Amino acid sequence: QEQFVESGGGLVQPGGSLKLSCAASTSISSATMGWYRRATGKQRVFVATIRSEGSSNYADSVKGRFTISRDNDANTVYLVMNSLKPEDTGVYYCNRLYGTVTVGDWGQGTQVTVSE
C-alpha cells in the first residue's frame, strides 16, 4: 500500500514563504503527482500537478506564487510557496494521479497557516 508523508508546513506571516515536501513510499518516476489543500470546513481542492516529464499545472489562485517540482530519485515532490496569503491556509496533501483522478490513499497532510 503506497503511502505519502507530507512535511514542511508551519505558521507564516502574509507575504512569507514555505517549502513543502511529499515523500512517497513507492517509485513516482512515471507518475503524475499533485498537491491539494483542504481548508477548515471545506472540501479538498486542487493546487498543482506535475507530470512525469516535468510539465505542471496550477490553480488560478496560486499561479505565479507556487512552484511544484519533483525528485524522482528520492520519490519526493515539492511545493514552494511564495507571497503567501491568508486564503492559502489549510492542510496540504499530495497524491498520485491517473489522468485527473487521485488514486492513492491520502496521508496526514501538513498544516499551513498564514496569519499575522
N, C-alpha and C. Protein backbone atom coordinates (compact mmCIF):
# COMPACT_ATOMS: atom_id res chain seq x y z
N GLN A 1 0.84 -1.18 0.00
CA GLN A 1 0.00 0.00 0.00
C GLN A 1 0.90 1.25 0.00
N GLU A 2 0.72 2.06 -1.03
CA GLU A 2 1.56 3.25 -1.12
C GLU A 2 1.20 4.25 -0.03
N GLN A 3 2.21 4.92 0.48
CA GLN A 3 1.99 5.95 1.49
C GLN A 3 2.67 7.24 1.07
N PHE A 4 2.07 8.35 1.48
CA PHE A 4 2.63 9.67 1.25
C PHE A 4 2.83 10.35 2.60
N VAL A 5 4.01 10.94 2.79
CA VAL A 5 4.30 11.65 4.02
C VAL A 5 4.64 13.09 3.67
N GLU A 6 3.73 14.00 4.06
CA GLU A 6 3.92 15.41 3.78
C GLU A 6 4.59 16.11 4.96
N SER A 7 5.41 17.10 4.67
CA SER A 7 6.09 17.84 5.72
C SER A 7 6.43 19.24 5.23
N GLY A 8 6.84 20.10 6.17
CA GLY A 8 7.30 21.44 5.80
C GLY A 8 6.33 22.55 6.11
N GLY A 9 5.15 22.22 6.59
CA GLY A 9 4.18 23.25 6.90
C GLY A 9 4.56 24.03 8.15
N GLY A 10 3.76 25.06 8.44
CA GLY A 10 4.01 25.86 9.62
C GLY A 10 3.19 27.12 9.62
N LEU A 11 3.51 27.99 10.57
CA LEU A 11 2.86 29.30 10.70
C LEU A 11 3.76 30.35 10.04
N VAL A 12 3.19 31.12 9.15
CA VAL A 12 3.97 32.13 8.45
C VAL A 12 3.12 33.38 8.28
N GLN A 13 3.77 34.53 8.25
CA GLN A 13 3.05 35.78 8.05
C GLN A 13 2.70 35.97 6.58
N PRO A 14 1.67 36.74 6.30
CA PRO A 14 1.36 37.05 4.90
C PRO A 14 2.58 37.61 4.19
N GLY A 15 2.79 37.14 2.97
CA GLY A 15 3.96 37.53 2.20
C GLY A 15 5.14 36.61 2.39
N GLY A 16 5.05 35.71 3.33
CA GLY A 16 6.14 34.79 3.60
C GLY A 16 6.17 33.61 2.65
N SER A 17 7.11 32.70 2.93
CA SER A 17 7.33 31.54 2.05
C SER A 17 7.47 30.26 2.87
N LEU A 18 7.12 29.17 2.22
CA LEU A 18 7.33 27.83 2.78
C LEU A 18 7.66 26.87 1.65
N LYS A 19 8.35 25.79 2.00
CA LYS A 19 8.60 24.72 1.04
C LYS A 19 8.08 23.42 1.63
N LEU A 20 7.11 22.83 0.96
CA LEU A 20 6.54 21.57 1.39
C LEU A 20 7.21 20.41 0.66
N SER A 21 7.28 19.28 1.34
CA SER A 21 7.82 18.06 0.74
C SER A 21 6.81 16.93 0.89
N CYS A 22 6.81 16.03 -0.08
CA CYS A 22 5.95 14.85 -0.04
C CYS A 22 6.81 13.66 -0.42
N ALA A 23 7.03 12.77 0.53
CA ALA A 23 7.81 11.57 0.28
C ALA A 23 6.88 10.40 0.03
N ALA A 24 7.05 9.75 -1.12
CA ALA A 24 6.24 8.59 -1.47
C ALA A 24 6.99 7.31 -1.13
N SER A 25 6.25 6.27 -0.78
CA SER A 25 6.87 5.01 -0.39
C SER A 25 7.20 4.12 -1.59
N THR A 26 6.71 4.50 -2.77
CA THR A 26 7.00 3.76 -3.98
C THR A 26 7.48 4.71 -5.06
N SER A 27 7.95 4.18 -6.14
CA SER A 27 8.51 4.99 -7.21
C SER A 27 7.46 5.92 -7.82
N ILE A 28 7.86 7.17 -8.05
CA ILE A 28 6.96 8.13 -8.67
C ILE A 28 7.43 8.52 -10.07
N SER A 29 8.46 7.87 -10.56
CA SER A 29 9.13 8.33 -11.77
C SER A 29 8.21 8.42 -12.99
N SER A 30 7.21 7.56 -13.07
CA SER A 30 6.32 7.58 -14.23
C SER A 30 4.96 8.19 -13.92
N ALA A 31 4.81 8.76 -12.74
CA ALA A 31 3.51 9.20 -12.27
C ALA A 31 3.31 10.70 -12.39
N THR A 32 2.06 11.09 -12.60
CA THR A 32 1.65 12.47 -12.37
C THR A 32 1.37 12.60 -10.88
N MET A 33 1.94 13.64 -10.28
CA MET A 33 1.76 13.86 -8.85
C MET A 33 1.10 15.22 -8.62
N GLY A 34 0.36 15.32 -7.53
CA GLY A 34 -0.35 16.56 -7.29
C GLY A 34 -0.35 16.98 -5.83
N TRP A 35 -0.53 18.27 -5.62
CA TRP A 35 -0.73 18.85 -4.29
C TRP A 35 -2.16 19.36 -4.19
N TYR A 36 -2.76 19.17 -3.01
CA TYR A 36 -4.13 19.58 -2.76
C TYR A 36 -4.19 20.26 -1.40
N ARG A 37 -5.20 21.08 -1.21
CA ARG A 37 -5.38 21.80 0.06
C ARG A 37 -6.80 21.62 0.56
N ARG A 38 -6.91 21.42 1.87
CA ARG A 38 -8.23 21.40 2.50
C ARG A 38 -8.25 22.45 3.59
N ALA A 39 -9.07 23.46 3.41
CA ALA A 39 -9.28 24.46 4.44
C ALA A 39 -10.35 23.95 5.41
N THR A 40 -10.33 24.45 6.61
CA THR A 40 -11.27 24.01 7.63
C THR A 40 -12.71 24.18 7.15
N GLY A 41 -13.47 23.11 7.22
CA GLY A 41 -14.87 23.16 6.83
C GLY A 41 -15.13 23.14 5.34
N LYS A 42 -14.09 22.96 4.55
CA LYS A 42 -14.25 22.97 3.09
C LYS A 42 -13.71 21.67 2.49
N GLN A 43 -14.05 21.46 1.24
CA GLN A 43 -13.57 20.27 0.55
C GLN A 43 -12.12 20.47 0.12
N ARG A 44 -11.47 19.35 -0.09
CA ARG A 44 -10.10 19.38 -0.59
C ARG A 44 -10.10 19.89 -2.04
N VAL A 45 -9.18 20.79 -2.35
CA VAL A 45 -9.14 21.39 -3.69
C VAL A 45 -7.75 21.23 -4.31
N PHE A 46 -7.75 21.23 -5.61
CA PHE A 46 -6.52 21.12 -6.39
C PHE A 46 -5.65 22.36 -6.23
N VAL A 47 -4.35 22.15 -6.08
CA VAL A 47 -3.40 23.25 -6.02
C VAL A 47 -2.46 23.21 -7.22
N ALA A 48 -1.82 22.07 -7.44
CA ALA A 48 -0.85 21.96 -8.53
C ALA A 48 -0.60 20.50 -8.86
N THR A 49 -0.27 20.25 -10.13
CA THR A 49 0.15 18.91 -10.54
C THR A 49 1.42 19.00 -11.37
N ILE A 50 2.17 17.91 -11.38
CA ILE A 50 3.37 17.83 -12.21
C ILE A 50 3.39 16.45 -12.87
N ARG A 51 3.56 16.44 -14.18
CA ARG A 51 3.60 15.20 -14.92
C ARG A 51 5.01 14.60 -14.90
N SER A 52 5.10 13.37 -15.39
CA SER A 52 6.38 12.65 -15.31
C SER A 52 7.48 13.37 -16.07
N GLU A 53 7.13 14.04 -17.16
CA GLU A 53 8.16 14.72 -17.95
C GLU A 53 8.45 16.14 -17.45
N GLY A 54 7.71 16.54 -16.40
CA GLY A 54 8.02 17.81 -15.76
C GLY A 54 7.07 18.96 -16.01
N SER A 55 6.11 18.79 -16.92
CA SER A 55 5.16 19.87 -17.16
C SER A 55 4.23 20.01 -15.95
N SER A 56 3.75 21.20 -15.69
CA SER A 56 2.97 21.45 -14.48
C SER A 56 1.72 22.27 -14.77
N ASN A 57 0.77 22.16 -13.86
CA ASN A 57 -0.46 22.94 -13.91
C ASN A 57 -0.75 23.47 -12.52
N TYR A 58 -1.37 24.64 -12.47
CA TYR A 58 -1.63 25.29 -11.19
C TYR A 58 -3.07 25.81 -11.13
N ALA A 59 -3.61 25.82 -9.93
CA ALA A 59 -4.87 26.51 -9.72
C ALA A 59 -4.65 28.00 -9.98
N ASP A 60 -5.66 28.67 -10.51
CA ASP A 60 -5.51 30.09 -10.82
C ASP A 60 -5.08 30.91 -9.59
N SER A 61 -5.55 30.50 -8.44
CA SER A 61 -5.28 31.26 -7.22
C SER A 61 -3.82 31.24 -6.78
N VAL A 62 -3.04 30.28 -7.31
CA VAL A 62 -1.64 30.16 -6.88
C VAL A 62 -0.65 30.40 -8.01
N LYS A 63 -1.13 30.59 -9.23
CA LYS A 63 -0.23 30.82 -10.36
C LYS A 63 0.67 32.01 -10.11
N GLY A 64 1.95 31.81 -10.41
CA GLY A 64 2.92 32.88 -10.22
C GLY A 64 3.47 32.96 -8.81
N ARG A 65 2.87 32.23 -7.87
CA ARG A 65 3.34 32.25 -6.48
C ARG A 65 3.88 30.90 -6.03
N PHE A 66 3.29 29.83 -6.52
CA PHE A 66 3.68 28.48 -6.11
C PHE A 66 4.43 27.79 -7.26
N THR A 67 5.37 26.91 -6.89
CA THR A 67 6.09 26.12 -7.88
C THR A 67 6.17 24.67 -7.41
N ILE A 68 5.71 23.76 -8.25
CA ILE A 68 5.78 22.34 -7.95
C ILE A 68 7.00 21.76 -8.67
N SER A 69 7.67 20.83 -8.01
CA SER A 69 8.83 20.17 -8.63
C SER A 69 8.91 18.75 -8.09
N ARG A 70 9.83 17.98 -8.68
CA ARG A 70 9.94 16.58 -8.27
C ARG A 70 11.37 16.11 -8.32
N ASP A 71 11.68 15.14 -7.47
CA ASP A 71 12.97 14.46 -7.47
C ASP A 71 12.64 12.97 -7.55
N ASN A 72 12.69 12.42 -8.73
CA ASN A 72 12.31 11.02 -8.92
C ASN A 72 13.23 10.06 -8.18
N ASP A 73 14.50 10.40 -8.09
CA ASP A 73 15.45 9.52 -7.39
C ASP A 73 15.09 9.39 -5.91
N ALA A 74 14.53 10.46 -5.36
CA ALA A 74 14.16 10.46 -3.95
C ALA A 74 12.68 10.18 -3.74
N ASN A 75 11.96 9.93 -4.84
CA ASN A 75 10.50 9.70 -4.75
C ASN A 75 9.82 10.81 -3.95
N THR A 76 10.19 12.04 -4.25
CA THR A 76 9.71 13.18 -3.48
C THR A 76 9.20 14.27 -4.41
N VAL A 77 8.11 14.89 -4.00
CA VAL A 77 7.53 16.02 -4.72
C VAL A 77 7.57 17.22 -3.78
N TYR A 78 7.84 18.39 -4.35
CA TYR A 78 7.96 19.60 -3.55
C TYR A 78 6.93 20.64 -4.00
N LEU A 79 6.63 21.55 -3.08
CA LEU A 79 5.80 22.70 -3.42
C LEU A 79 6.40 23.91 -2.72
N VAL A 80 6.97 24.81 -3.52
CA VAL A 80 7.50 26.06 -2.99
C VAL A 80 6.39 27.10 -3.07
N MET A 81 6.11 27.69 -1.94
CA MET A 81 5.01 28.64 -1.84
C MET A 81 5.56 30.01 -1.44
N ASN A 82 5.42 30.97 -2.32
CA ASN A 82 5.86 32.34 -2.05
C ASN A 82 4.67 33.29 -1.98
N SER A 83 4.92 34.47 -1.43
CA SER A 83 3.89 35.51 -1.34
C SER A 83 2.60 34.93 -0.76
N LEU A 84 2.74 34.23 0.34
CA LEU A 84 1.60 33.53 0.92
C LEU A 84 0.53 34.50 1.40
N LYS A 85 -0.73 34.06 1.26
CA LYS A 85 -1.88 34.85 1.65
C LYS A 85 -2.70 34.08 2.70
N PRO A 86 -3.48 34.75 3.50
CA PRO A 86 -4.31 34.03 4.48
C PRO A 86 -5.19 32.96 3.85
N GLU A 87 -5.64 33.19 2.63
CA GLU A 87 -6.51 32.21 1.98
C GLU A 87 -5.75 30.95 1.53
N ASP A 88 -4.44 30.94 1.66
CA ASP A 88 -3.66 29.73 1.39
C ASP A 88 -3.66 28.78 2.59
N THR A 89 -4.21 29.21 3.69
CA THR A 89 -4.24 28.40 4.90
C THR A 89 -5.02 27.12 4.70
N GLY A 90 -4.48 26.03 5.23
CA GLY A 90 -5.15 24.74 5.15
C GLY A 90 -4.17 23.61 5.36
N VAL A 91 -4.67 22.39 5.27
CA VAL A 91 -3.83 21.21 5.32
C VAL A 91 -3.52 20.81 3.88
N TYR A 92 -2.24 20.64 3.60
CA TYR A 92 -1.78 20.32 2.26
C TYR A 92 -1.44 18.84 2.16
N TYR A 93 -1.94 18.23 1.10
CA TYR A 93 -1.75 16.81 0.85
C TYR A 93 -1.16 16.60 -0.54
N CYS A 94 -0.48 15.47 -0.72
CA CYS A 94 -0.06 15.09 -2.06
C CYS A 94 -0.67 13.74 -2.41
N ASN A 95 -0.68 13.43 -3.69
CA ASN A 95 -1.21 12.16 -4.13
C ASN A 95 -0.74 11.87 -5.53
N ARG A 96 -0.90 10.64 -5.92
CA ARG A 96 -0.62 10.17 -7.27
C ARG A 96 -1.91 10.29 -8.08
N LEU A 97 -1.77 10.67 -9.35
CA LEU A 97 -2.93 10.78 -10.21
C LEU A 97 -2.86 9.82 -11.37
N TYR A 98 -4.04 9.38 -11.81
CA TYR A 98 -4.17 8.67 -13.08
C TYR A 98 -5.11 9.53 -13.91
N GLY A 99 -4.55 10.19 -14.90
CA GLY A 99 -5.35 11.21 -15.60
C GLY A 99 -5.54 12.37 -14.66
N THR A 100 -6.78 12.66 -14.35
CA THR A 100 -7.08 13.76 -13.42
C THR A 100 -7.63 13.24 -12.10
N VAL A 101 -7.57 11.95 -11.89
CA VAL A 101 -8.15 11.34 -10.70
C VAL A 101 -7.06 10.89 -9.74
N THR A 102 -7.19 11.27 -8.49
CA THR A 102 -6.23 10.81 -7.49
C THR A 102 -6.51 9.34 -7.18
N VAL A 103 -5.44 8.56 -7.06
CA VAL A 103 -5.61 7.11 -6.93
C VAL A 103 -5.01 6.54 -5.67
N GLY A 104 -4.25 7.31 -4.93
CA GLY A 104 -3.62 6.80 -3.73
C GLY A 104 -4.42 7.14 -2.49
N ASP A 105 -4.03 6.51 -1.38
CA ASP A 105 -4.63 6.87 -0.09
C ASP A 105 -4.05 8.19 0.37
N TRP A 106 -4.87 9.03 0.98
CA TRP A 106 -4.40 10.31 1.48
C TRP A 106 -3.58 10.12 2.75
N GLY A 107 -2.49 10.90 2.84
CA GLY A 107 -1.69 10.90 4.05
C GLY A 107 -2.28 11.83 5.08
N GLN A 108 -1.48 12.16 6.09
CA GLN A 108 -1.97 13.04 7.15
C GLN A 108 -1.88 14.51 6.77
N GLY A 109 -1.12 14.82 5.75
CA GLY A 109 -1.00 16.19 5.32
C GLY A 109 -0.10 17.00 6.23
N THR A 110 0.13 18.26 5.82
CA THR A 110 0.93 19.18 6.61
C THR A 110 0.18 20.51 6.69
N GLN A 111 0.07 21.05 7.89
CA GLN A 111 -0.72 22.25 8.12
C GLN A 111 0.06 23.50 7.74
N VAL A 112 -0.55 24.35 6.95
CA VAL A 112 -0.01 25.66 6.61
C VAL A 112 -0.98 26.71 7.13
N THR A 113 -0.46 27.61 7.94
CA THR A 113 -1.28 28.69 8.48
C THR A 113 -0.62 30.01 8.13
N VAL A 114 -1.36 30.87 7.44
CA VAL A 114 -0.84 32.18 7.05
C VAL A 114 -1.62 33.22 7.84
N SER A 115 -0.94 33.86 8.77
CA SER A 115 -1.63 34.79 9.67
C SER A 115 -0.63 35.76 10.26
N GLU A 116 -1.13 36.95 10.64
CA GLU A 116 -0.27 37.93 11.30
C GLU A 116 0.12 37.42 12.67
